[in-house]
Amino acid sequence: HLSTRLVRGWTHLERQKGGIGLRGPGETQLETDRRLIGG
């Protein structure tokens, strides 16, 4: 049920990680949450 709530409803999850030690391939928080929930 939660996985259907990760689409367009949570604007803060669209921000990409950044900053010292956090730079990477540019995975958004939304994508991270989807991956964690899927796992």
ModelCIF file with pLDDT and N, C-alpha, C, O atoms, coordinates in Angstrom:
data_MODEL
#
_entry.id   MODEL 
#
_entity.id                         1 
_entity.type                       polymer 
_entity.pdbx_number_of_molecules   1 
#
_entity_poly.entity_id                      1 
_entity_poly.type                           'polypeptide(L)' 
_entity_poly.nstd_linkage                   no 
_entity_poly.nstd_monomer                   no 
_entity_poly.pdbx_seq_one_letter_code       HLSTRLVRGWTHLERQKGGIGLRGPGETQLETDRRLIGG 
_entity_poly.pdbx_seq_one_letter_code_can   HLSTRLVRGWTHLERQKGGIGLRGPGETQLETDRRLIGG 
_entity_poly.pdbx_strand_id                 A 
#
loop_
_entity_poly_seq.entity_id 
_entity_poly_seq.num 
_entity_poly_seq.mon_id 
_entity_poly_seq.hetero 
1 1  HIS n 
1 2  LEU n 
1 3  SER n 
1 4  THR n 
1 5  ARG n 
1 6  LEU n 
1 7  VAL n 
1 8  ARG n 
1 9  GLY n 
1 10 TRP n 
1 11 THR n 
1 12 HIS n 
1 13 LEU n 
1 14 GLU n 
1 15 ARG n 
1 16 GLN n 
1 17 LYS n 
1 18 GLY n 
1 19 GLY n 
1 20 ILE n 
1 21 GLY n 
1 22 LEU n 
1 23 ARG n 
1 24 GLY n 
1 25 PRO n 
1 26 GLY n 
1 27 GLU n 
1 28 THR n 
1 29 GLN n 
1 30 LEU n 
1 31 GLU n 
1 32 THR n 
1 33 ASP n 
1 34 ARG n 
1 35 ARG n 
1 36 LEU n 
1 37 ILE n 
1 38 GLY n 
1 39 GLY n 
#
_struct_asym.id          A 
_struct_asym.entity_id   1 
#
loop_
_ma_qa_metric.id 
_ma_qa_metric.mode 
_ma_qa_metric.name 
_ma_qa_metric.software_group_id 
_ma_qa_metric.type 
1 global pLDDT . pLDDT 
2 local  pLDDT . pLDDT 
#
_ma_qa_metric_global.metric_id      1 
_ma_qa_metric_global.metric_value   56.92 
_ma_qa_metric_global.model_id       1 
_ma_qa_metric_global.ordinal_id     1 
#
loop_
_ma_qa_metric_local.label_asym_id 
_ma_qa_metric_local.label_comp_id 
_ma_qa_metric_local.label_seq_id 
_ma_qa_metric_local.metric_id 
_ma_qa_metric_local.metric_value 
_ma_qa_metric_local.model_id 
_ma_qa_metric_local.ordinal_id 
A HIS 1  2 74.00 1 1  
A LEU 2  2 74.00 1 2  
A SER 3  2 73.00 1 3  
A THR 4  2 68.00 1 4  
A ARG 5  2 68.00 1 5  
A LEU 6  2 61.00 1 6  
A VAL 7  2 51.00 1 7  
A ARG 8  2 43.00 1 8  
A GLY 9  2 43.00 1 9  
A TRP 10 2 44.00 1 10 
A THR 11 2 45.00 1 11 
A HIS 12 2 45.00 1 12 
A LEU 13 2 44.00 1 13 
A GLU 14 2 45.00 1 14 
A ARG 15 2 46.00 1 15 
A GLN 16 2 44.00 1 16 
A LYS 17 2 45.00 1 17 
A GLY 18 2 46.00 1 18 
A GLY 19 2 44.00 1 19 
A ILE 20 2 43.00 1 20 
A GLY 21 2 41.00 1 21 
A LEU 22 2 42.00 1 22 
A ARG 23 2 42.00 1 23 
A GLY 24 2 46.00 1 24 
A PRO 25 2 50.00 1 25 
A GLY 26 2 49.00 1 26 
A GLU 27 2 50.00 1 27 
A THR 28 2 59.00 1 28 
A GLN 29 2 61.00 1 29 
A LEU 30 2 63.00 1 30 
A GLU 31 2 68.00 1 31 
A THR 32 2 68.00 1 32 
A ASP 33 2 71.00 1 33 
A ARG 34 2 72.00 1 34 
A ARG 35 2 75.00 1 35 
A LEU 36 2 78.00 1 36 
A ILE 37 2 78.00 1 37 
A GLY 38 2 80.00 1 38 
A GLY 39 2 81.00 1 39 
#
loop_
_atom_site.group_PDB 
_atom_site.id 
_atom_site.type_symbol 
_atom_site.label_atom_id 
_atom_site.label_alt_id 
_atom_site.label_comp_id 
_atom_site.label_asym_id 
_atom_site.label_entity_id 
_atom_site.label_seq_id 
_atom_site.pdbx_PDB_ins_code 
_atom_site.Cartn_x 
_atom_site.Cartn_y 
_atom_site.Cartn_z 
_atom_site.occupancy 
_atom_site.B_iso_or_equiv 
_atom_site.pdbx_formal_charge 
_atom_site.auth_seq_id 
_atom_site.auth_comp_id 
_atom_site.auth_asym_id 
_atom_site.auth_atom_id 
_atom_site.pdbx_PDB_model_num 
ATOM 1   N N  . HIS A 1 1  ? 0.832  -1.203 0.000   1.00 74.00 ? 1  HIS A N  1 
ATOM 2   C CA . HIS A 1 1  ? 0.000  0.000  0.000   1.00 74.00 ? 1  HIS A CA 1 
ATOM 3   C C  . HIS A 1 1  ? 0.865  1.252  0.000   1.00 74.00 ? 1  HIS A C  1 
ATOM 4   O O  . HIS A 1 1  ? 0.576  2.210  -0.717  1.00 74.00 ? 1  HIS A O  1 
ATOM 5   N N  . LEU A 1 2  ? 1.937  1.246  0.811   1.00 74.00 ? 2  LEU A N  1 
ATOM 6   C CA . LEU A 1 2  ? 2.827  2.397  0.887   1.00 74.00 ? 2  LEU A CA 1 
ATOM 7   C C  . LEU A 1 2  ? 3.520  2.664  -0.439  1.00 74.00 ? 2  LEU A C  1 
ATOM 8   O O  . LEU A 1 2  ? 3.735  3.818  -0.811  1.00 74.00 ? 2  LEU A O  1 
ATOM 9   N N  . SER A 1 3  ? 3.870  1.597  -1.154  1.00 73.00 ? 3  SER A N  1 
ATOM 10  C CA . SER A 1 3  ? 4.581  1.772  -2.426  1.00 73.00 ? 3  SER A CA 1 
ATOM 11  C C  . SER A 1 3  ? 3.763  2.587  -3.419  1.00 73.00 ? 3  SER A C  1 
ATOM 12  O O  . SER A 1 3  ? 4.332  3.265  -4.274  1.00 73.00 ? 3  SER A O  1 
ATOM 13  N N  . THR A 1 4  ? 2.434  2.531  -3.318  1.00 68.00 ? 4  THR A N  1 
ATOM 14  C CA . THR A 1 4  ? 1.588  3.342  -4.199  1.00 68.00 ? 4  THR A CA 1 
ATOM 15  C C  . THR A 1 4  ? 1.556  4.789  -3.752  1.00 68.00 ? 4  THR A C  1 
ATOM 16  O O  . THR A 1 4  ? 1.112  5.662  -4.497  1.00 68.00 ? 4  THR A O  1 
ATOM 17  N N  . ARG A 1 5  ? 2.022  5.051  -2.541  1.00 68.00 ? 5  ARG A N  1 
ATOM 18  C CA . ARG A 1 5  ? 2.039  6.410  -1.986  1.00 68.00 ? 5  ARG A CA 1 
ATOM 19  C C  . ARG A 1 5  ? 3.350  7.119  -2.240  1.00 68.00 ? 5  ARG A C  1 
ATOM 20  O O  . ARG A 1 5  ? 3.516  8.259  -1.806  1.00 68.00 ? 5  ARG A O  1 
ATOM 21  N N  . LEU A 1 6  ? 4.290  6.488  -2.927  1.00 61.00 ? 6  LEU A N  1 
ATOM 22  C CA . LEU A 1 6  ? 5.572  7.110  -3.200  1.00 61.00 ? 6  LEU A CA 1 
ATOM 23  C C  . LEU A 1 6  ? 5.595  7.810  -4.552  1.00 61.00 ? 6  LEU A C  1 
ATOM 24  O O  . LEU A 1 6  ? 6.656  8.219  -5.025  1.00 61.00 ? 6  LEU A O  1 
ATOM 25  N N  . VAL A 1 7  ? 4.451  7.947  -5.162  1.00 51.00 ? 7  VAL A N  1 
ATOM 26  C CA . VAL A 1 7  ? 4.368  8.576  -6.478  1.00 51.00 ? 7  VAL A CA 1 
ATOM 27  C C  . VAL A 1 7  ? 3.723  9.947  -6.351  1.00 51.00 ? 7  VAL A C  1 
ATOM 28  O O  . VAL A 1 7  ? 2.540  10.034 -6.024  1.00 51.00 ? 7  VAL A O  1 
ATOM 29  N N  . ARG A 1 8  ? 4.440  10.980 -6.591  1.00 43.00 ? 8  ARG A N  1 
ATOM 30  C CA . ARG A 1 8  ? 3.967  12.362 -6.652  1.00 43.00 ? 8  ARG A CA 1 
ATOM 31  C C  . ARG A 1 8  ? 3.456  12.903 -5.321  1.00 43.00 ? 8  ARG A C  1 
ATOM 32  O O  . ARG A 1 8  ? 3.209  14.103 -5.202  1.00 43.00 ? 8  ARG A O  1 
ATOM 33  N N  . GLY A 1 9  ? 3.299  12.067 -4.350  1.00 43.00 ? 9  GLY A N  1 
ATOM 34  C CA . GLY A 1 9  ? 2.732  12.552 -3.106  1.00 43.00 ? 9  GLY A CA 1 
ATOM 35  C C  . GLY A 1 9  ? 3.756  13.084 -2.136  1.00 43.00 ? 9  GLY A C  1 
ATOM 36  O O  . GLY A 1 9  ? 3.380  13.794 -1.203  1.00 43.00 ? 9  GLY A O  1 
ATOM 37  N N  . TRP A 1 10 ? 4.997  12.792 -2.297  1.00 44.00 ? 10 TRP A N  1 
ATOM 38  C CA . TRP A 1 10 ? 6.019  13.138 -1.331  1.00 44.00 ? 10 TRP A CA 1 
ATOM 39  C C  . TRP A 1 10 ? 7.106  13.954 -2.020  1.00 44.00 ? 10 TRP A C  1 
ATOM 40  O O  . TRP A 1 10 ? 8.105  13.393 -2.471  1.00 44.00 ? 10 TRP A O  1 
ATOM 41  N N  . THR A 1 11 ? 6.930  15.250 -2.107  1.00 45.00 ? 11 THR A N  1 
ATOM 42  C CA . THR A 1 11 ? 7.829  16.102 -2.874  1.00 45.00 ? 11 THR A CA 1 
ATOM 43  C C  . THR A 1 11 ? 9.233  16.109 -2.308  1.00 45.00 ? 11 THR A C  1 
ATOM 44  O O  . THR A 1 11 ? 10.192 16.271 -3.062  1.00 45.00 ? 11 THR A O  1 
ATOM 45  N N  . HIS A 1 12 ? 9.386  15.935 -0.991  1.00 45.00 ? 12 HIS A N  1 
ATOM 46  C CA . HIS A 1 12 ? 10.712 15.965 -0.397  1.00 45.00 ? 12 HIS A CA 1 
ATOM 47  C C  . HIS A 1 12 ? 11.568 14.780 -0.808  1.00 45.00 ? 12 HIS A C  1 
ATOM 48  O O  . HIS A 1 12 ? 12.792 14.809 -0.676  1.00 45.00 ? 12 HIS A O  1 
ATOM 49  N N  . LEU A 1 13 ? 10.913 13.731 -1.310  1.00 44.00 ? 13 LEU A N  1 
ATOM 50  C CA . LEU A 1 13 ? 11.650 12.546 -1.723  1.00 44.00 ? 13 LEU A CA 1 
ATOM 51  C C  . LEU A 1 13 ? 12.274 12.704 -3.105  1.00 44.00 ? 13 LEU A C  1 
ATOM 52  O O  . LEU A 1 13 ? 13.064 11.857 -3.523  1.00 44.00 ? 13 LEU A O  1 
ATOM 53  N N  . GLU A 1 14 ? 11.935 13.762 -3.811  1.00 45.00 ? 14 GLU A N  1 
ATOM 54  C CA . GLU A 1 14 ? 12.470 13.966 -5.150  1.00 45.00 ? 14 GLU A CA 1 
ATOM 55  C C  . GLU A 1 14 ? 13.869 14.595 -5.130  1.00 45.00 ? 14 GLU A C  1 
ATOM 56  O O  . GLU A 1 14 ? 14.562 14.601 -6.147  1.00 45.00 ? 14 GLU A O  1 
ATOM 57  N N  . ARG A 1 15 ? 14.283 15.126 -3.967  1.00 46.00 ? 15 ARG A N  1 
ATOM 58  C CA . ARG A 1 15 ? 15.584 15.772 -3.891  1.00 46.00 ? 15 ARG A CA 1 
ATOM 59  C C  . ARG A 1 15 ? 16.704 14.746 -4.010  1.00 46.00 ? 15 ARG A C  1 
ATOM 60  O O  . ARG A 1 15 ? 16.632 13.676 -3.405  1.00 46.00 ? 15 ARG A O  1 
ATOM 61  N N  . GLN A 1 16 ? 17.717 15.058 -4.768  1.00 44.00 ? 16 GLN A N  1 
ATOM 62  C CA . GLN A 1 16 ? 18.864 14.181 -4.895  1.00 44.00 ? 16 GLN A CA 1 
ATOM 63  C C  . GLN A 1 16 ? 19.816 14.401 -3.736  1.00 44.00 ? 16 GLN A C  1 
ATOM 64  O O  . GLN A 1 16 ? 19.930 15.503 -3.201  1.00 44.00 ? 16 GLN A O  1 
ATOM 65  N N  . LYS A 1 17 ? 20.495 13.333 -3.361  1.00 45.00 ? 17 LYS A N  1 
ATOM 66  C CA . LYS A 1 17 ? 21.534 13.435 -2.356  1.00 45.00 ? 17 LYS A CA 1 
ATOM 67  C C  . LYS A 1 17 ? 22.663 14.309 -2.876  1.00 45.00 ? 17 LYS A C  1 
ATOM 68  O O  . LYS A 1 17 ? 22.949 14.303 -4.073  1.00 45.00 ? 17 LYS A O  1 
ATOM 69  N N  . GLY A 1 18 ? 23.295 15.047 -2.008  1.00 46.00 ? 18 GLY A N  1 
ATOM 70  C CA . GLY A 1 18 ? 24.432 15.861 -2.414  1.00 46.00 ? 18 GLY A CA 1 
ATOM 71  C C  . GLY A 1 18 ? 25.251 16.265 -1.217  1.00 46.00 ? 18 GLY A C  1 
ATOM 72  O O  . GLY A 1 18 ? 24.926 15.912 -0.083  1.00 46.00 ? 18 GLY A O  1 
ATOM 73  N N  . GLY A 1 19 ? 26.321 17.011 -1.465  1.00 44.00 ? 19 GLY A N  1 
ATOM 74  C CA . GLY A 1 19 ? 27.167 17.441 -0.378  1.00 44.00 ? 19 GLY A CA 1 
ATOM 75  C C  . GLY A 1 19 ? 28.341 16.515 -0.174  1.00 44.00 ? 19 GLY A C  1 
ATOM 76  O O  . GLY A 1 19 ? 28.458 15.474 -0.820  1.00 44.00 ? 19 GLY A O  1 
ATOM 77  N N  . ILE A 1 20 ? 29.219 16.918 0.748   1.00 43.00 ? 20 ILE A N  1 
ATOM 78  C CA . ILE A 1 20 ? 30.455 16.170 1.012   1.00 43.00 ? 20 ILE A CA 1 
ATOM 79  C C  . ILE A 1 20 ? 30.114 14.772 1.507   1.00 43.00 ? 20 ILE A C  1 
ATOM 80  O O  . ILE A 1 20 ? 29.343 14.593 2.450   1.00 43.00 ? 20 ILE A O  1 
ATOM 81  N N  . GLY A 1 21 ? 30.704 13.800 0.852   1.00 41.00 ? 21 GLY A N  1 
ATOM 82  C CA . GLY A 1 21 ? 30.497 12.407 1.225   1.00 41.00 ? 21 GLY A CA 1 
ATOM 83  C C  . GLY A 1 21 ? 29.207 11.796 0.750   1.00 41.00 ? 21 GLY A C  1 
ATOM 84  O O  . GLY A 1 21 ? 28.963 10.606 0.949   1.00 41.00 ? 21 GLY A O  1 
ATOM 85  N N  . LEU A 1 22 ? 28.376 12.609 0.118   1.00 42.00 ? 22 LEU A N  1 
ATOM 86  C CA . LEU A 1 22 ? 27.068 12.118 -0.324  1.00 42.00 ? 22 LEU A CA 1 
ATOM 87  C C  . LEU A 1 22 ? 26.890 12.181 -1.830  1.00 42.00 ? 22 LEU A C  1 
ATOM 88  O O  . LEU A 1 22 ? 25.842 11.808 -2.356  1.00 42.00 ? 22 LEU A O  1 
ATOM 89  N N  . ARG A 1 23 ? 27.936 12.662 -2.533  1.00 42.00 ? 23 ARG A N  1 
ATOM 90  C CA . ARG A 1 23 ? 27.825 12.724 -3.982  1.00 42.00 ? 23 ARG A CA 1 
ATOM 91  C C  . ARG A 1 23 ? 27.923 11.330 -4.565  1.00 42.00 ? 23 ARG A C  1 
ATOM 92  O O  . ARG A 1 23 ? 28.745 10.525 -4.127  1.00 42.00 ? 23 ARG A O  1 
ATOM 93  N N  . GLY A 1 24 ? 27.110 11.046 -5.527  1.00 46.00 ? 24 GLY A N  1 
ATOM 94  C CA . GLY A 1 24 ? 27.114 9.727  -6.122  1.00 46.00 ? 24 GLY A CA 1 
ATOM 95  C C  . GLY A 1 24 ? 26.439 9.728  -7.465  1.00 46.00 ? 24 GLY A C  1 
ATOM 96  O O  . GLY A 1 24 ? 26.473 10.729 -8.181  1.00 46.00 ? 24 GLY A O  1 
ATOM 97  N N  . PRO A 1 25 ? 25.829 8.629  -7.815  1.00 50.00 ? 25 PRO A N  1 
ATOM 98  C CA . PRO A 1 25 ? 25.211 8.530  -9.141  1.00 50.00 ? 25 PRO A CA 1 
ATOM 99  C C  . PRO A 1 25 ? 23.954 9.368  -9.290  1.00 50.00 ? 25 PRO A C  1 
ATOM 100 O O  . PRO A 1 25 ? 23.366 9.398  -10.371 1.00 50.00 ? 25 PRO A O  1 
ATOM 101 N N  . GLY A 1 26 ? 23.528 10.045 -8.245  1.00 49.00 ? 26 GLY A N  1 
ATOM 102 C CA . GLY A 1 26 ? 22.370 10.916 -8.367  1.00 49.00 ? 26 GLY A CA 1 
ATOM 103 C C  . GLY A 1 26 ? 21.046 10.239 -8.104  1.00 49.00 ? 26 GLY A C  1 
ATOM 104 O O  . GLY A 1 26 ? 20.015 10.684 -8.608  1.00 49.00 ? 26 GLY A O  1 
ATOM 105 N N  . GLU A 1 27 ? 21.051 9.156  -7.312  1.00 50.00 ? 27 GLU A N  1 
ATOM 106 C CA . GLU A 1 27 ? 19.816 8.470  -6.963  1.00 50.00 ? 27 GLU A CA 1 
ATOM 107 C C  . GLU A 1 27 ? 18.963 9.379  -6.083  1.00 50.00 ? 27 GLU A C  1 
ATOM 108 O O  . GLU A 1 27 ? 19.447 9.887  -5.071  1.00 50.00 ? 27 GLU A O  1 
ATOM 109 N N  . THR A 1 28 ? 17.735 9.586  -6.444  1.00 59.00 ? 28 THR A N  1 
ATOM 110 C CA . THR A 1 28 ? 16.842 10.392 -5.625  1.00 59.00 ? 28 THR A CA 1 
ATOM 111 C C  . THR A 1 28 ? 16.409 9.615  -4.392  1.00 59.00 ? 28 THR A C  1 
ATOM 112 O O  . THR A 1 28 ? 16.507 8.389  -4.348  1.00 59.00 ? 28 THR A O  1 
ATOM 113 N N  . GLN A 1 29 ? 15.925 10.351 -3.383  1.00 61.00 ? 29 GLN A N  1 
ATOM 114 C CA . GLN A 1 29 ? 15.415 9.708  -2.183  1.00 61.00 ? 29 GLN A CA 1 
ATOM 115 C C  . GLN A 1 29 ? 14.205 8.848  -2.504  1.00 61.00 ? 29 GLN A C  1 
ATOM 116 O O  . GLN A 1 29 ? 13.995 7.801  -1.892  1.00 61.00 ? 29 GLN A O  1 
ATOM 117 N N  . LEU A 1 30 ? 13.405 9.301  -3.476  1.00 63.00 ? 30 LEU A N  1 
ATOM 118 C CA . LEU A 1 30 ? 12.252 8.521  -3.906  1.00 63.00 ? 30 LEU A CA 1 
ATOM 119 C C  . LEU A 1 30 ? 12.686 7.161  -4.449  1.00 63.00 ? 30 LEU A C  1 
ATOM 120 O O  . LEU A 1 30 ? 12.105 6.130  -4.111  1.00 63.00 ? 30 LEU A O  1 
ATOM 121 N N  . GLU A 1 31 ? 13.724 7.176  -5.303  1.00 68.00 ? 31 GLU A N  1 
ATOM 122 C CA . GLU A 1 31 ? 14.225 5.925  -5.866  1.00 68.00 ? 31 GLU A CA 1 
ATOM 123 C C  . GLU A 1 31 ? 14.806 5.024  -4.787  1.00 68.00 ? 31 GLU A C  1 
ATOM 124 O O  . GLU A 1 31 ? 14.621 3.808  -4.815  1.00 68.00 ? 31 GLU A O  1 
ATOM 125 N N  . THR A 1 32 ? 15.517 5.637  -3.827  1.00 68.00 ? 32 THR A N  1 
ATOM 126 C CA . THR A 1 32 ? 16.072 4.873  -2.720  1.00 68.00 ? 32 THR A CA 1 
ATOM 127 C C  . THR A 1 32 ? 14.967 4.197  -1.913  1.00 68.00 ? 32 THR A C  1 
ATOM 128 O O  . THR A 1 32 ? 15.070 3.016  -1.580  1.00 68.00 ? 32 THR A O  1 
ATOM 129 N N  . ASP A 1 33 ? 13.906 4.952  -1.597  1.00 71.00 ? 33 ASP A N  1 
ATOM 130 C CA . ASP A 1 33 ? 12.798 4.394  -0.829  1.00 71.00 ? 33 ASP A CA 1 
ATOM 131 C C  . ASP A 1 33 ? 12.105 3.273  -1.586  1.00 71.00 ? 33 ASP A C  1 
ATOM 132 O O  . ASP A 1 33 ? 11.745 2.248  -1.006  1.00 71.00 ? 33 ASP A O  1 
ATOM 133 N N  . ARG A 1 34 ? 11.919 3.475  -2.893  1.00 72.00 ? 34 ARG A N  1 
ATOM 134 C CA . ARG A 1 34 ? 11.320 2.417  -3.707  1.00 72.00 ? 34 ARG A CA 1 
ATOM 135 C C  . ARG A 1 34 ? 12.160 1.145  -3.656  1.00 72.00 ? 34 ARG A C  1 
ATOM 136 O O  . ARG A 1 34 ? 11.635 0.040  -3.520  1.00 72.00 ? 34 ARG A O  1 
ATOM 137 N N  . ARG A 1 35 ? 13.492 1.327  -3.771  1.00 75.00 ? 35 ARG A N  1 
ATOM 138 C CA . ARG A 1 35 ? 14.390 0.168  -3.769  1.00 75.00 ? 35 ARG A CA 1 
ATOM 139 C C  . ARG A 1 35 ? 14.363 -0.550 -2.422  1.00 75.00 ? 35 ARG A C  1 
ATOM 140 O O  . ARG A 1 35 ? 14.325 -1.779 -2.368  1.00 75.00 ? 35 ARG A O  1 
ATOM 141 N N  . LEU A 1 36 ? 14.382 0.222  -1.339  1.00 78.00 ? 36 LEU A N  1 
ATOM 142 C CA . LEU A 1 36 ? 14.367 -0.369 -0.007  1.00 78.00 ? 36 LEU A CA 1 
ATOM 143 C C  . LEU A 1 36 ? 13.055 -1.100 0.268   1.00 78.00 ? 36 LEU A C  1 
ATOM 144 O O  . LEU A 1 36 ? 13.047 -2.197 0.827   1.00 78.00 ? 36 LEU A O  1 
ATOM 145 N N  . ILE A 1 37 ? 11.944 -0.475 -0.136  1.00 78.00 ? 37 ILE A N  1 
ATOM 146 C CA . ILE A 1 37 ? 10.639 -1.112 0.050   1.00 78.00 ? 37 ILE A CA 1 
ATOM 147 C C  . ILE A 1 37 ? 10.544 -2.380 -0.788  1.00 78.00 ? 37 ILE A C  1 
ATOM 148 O O  . ILE A 1 37 ? 10.050 -3.407 -0.322  1.00 78.00 ? 37 ILE A O  1 
ATOM 149 N N  . GLY A 1 38 ? 11.027 -2.302 -2.044  1.00 80.00 ? 38 GLY A N  1 
ATOM 150 C CA . GLY A 1 38 ? 11.016 -3.485 -2.911  1.00 80.00 ? 38 GLY A CA 1 
ATOM 151 C C  . GLY A 1 38 ? 11.815 -4.626 -2.324  1.00 80.00 ? 38 GLY A C  1 
ATOM 152 O O  . GLY A 1 38 ? 11.398 -5.781 -2.400  1.00 80.00 ? 38 GLY A O  1 
ATOM 153 N N  . GLY A 1 39 ? 12.977 -4.310 -1.728  1.00 81.00 ? 39 GLY A N  1 
ATOM 154 C CA . GLY A 1 39 ? 13.809 -5.332 -1.105  1.00 81.00 ? 39 GLY A CA 1 
ATOM 155 C C  . GLY A 1 39 ? 13.124 -5.976 0.089   1.00 81.00 ? 39 GLY A C  1 
ATOM 156 O O  . GLY A 1 39 ? 13.697 -6.861 0.726   1.00 81.00 ? 39 GLY A O  1 
#
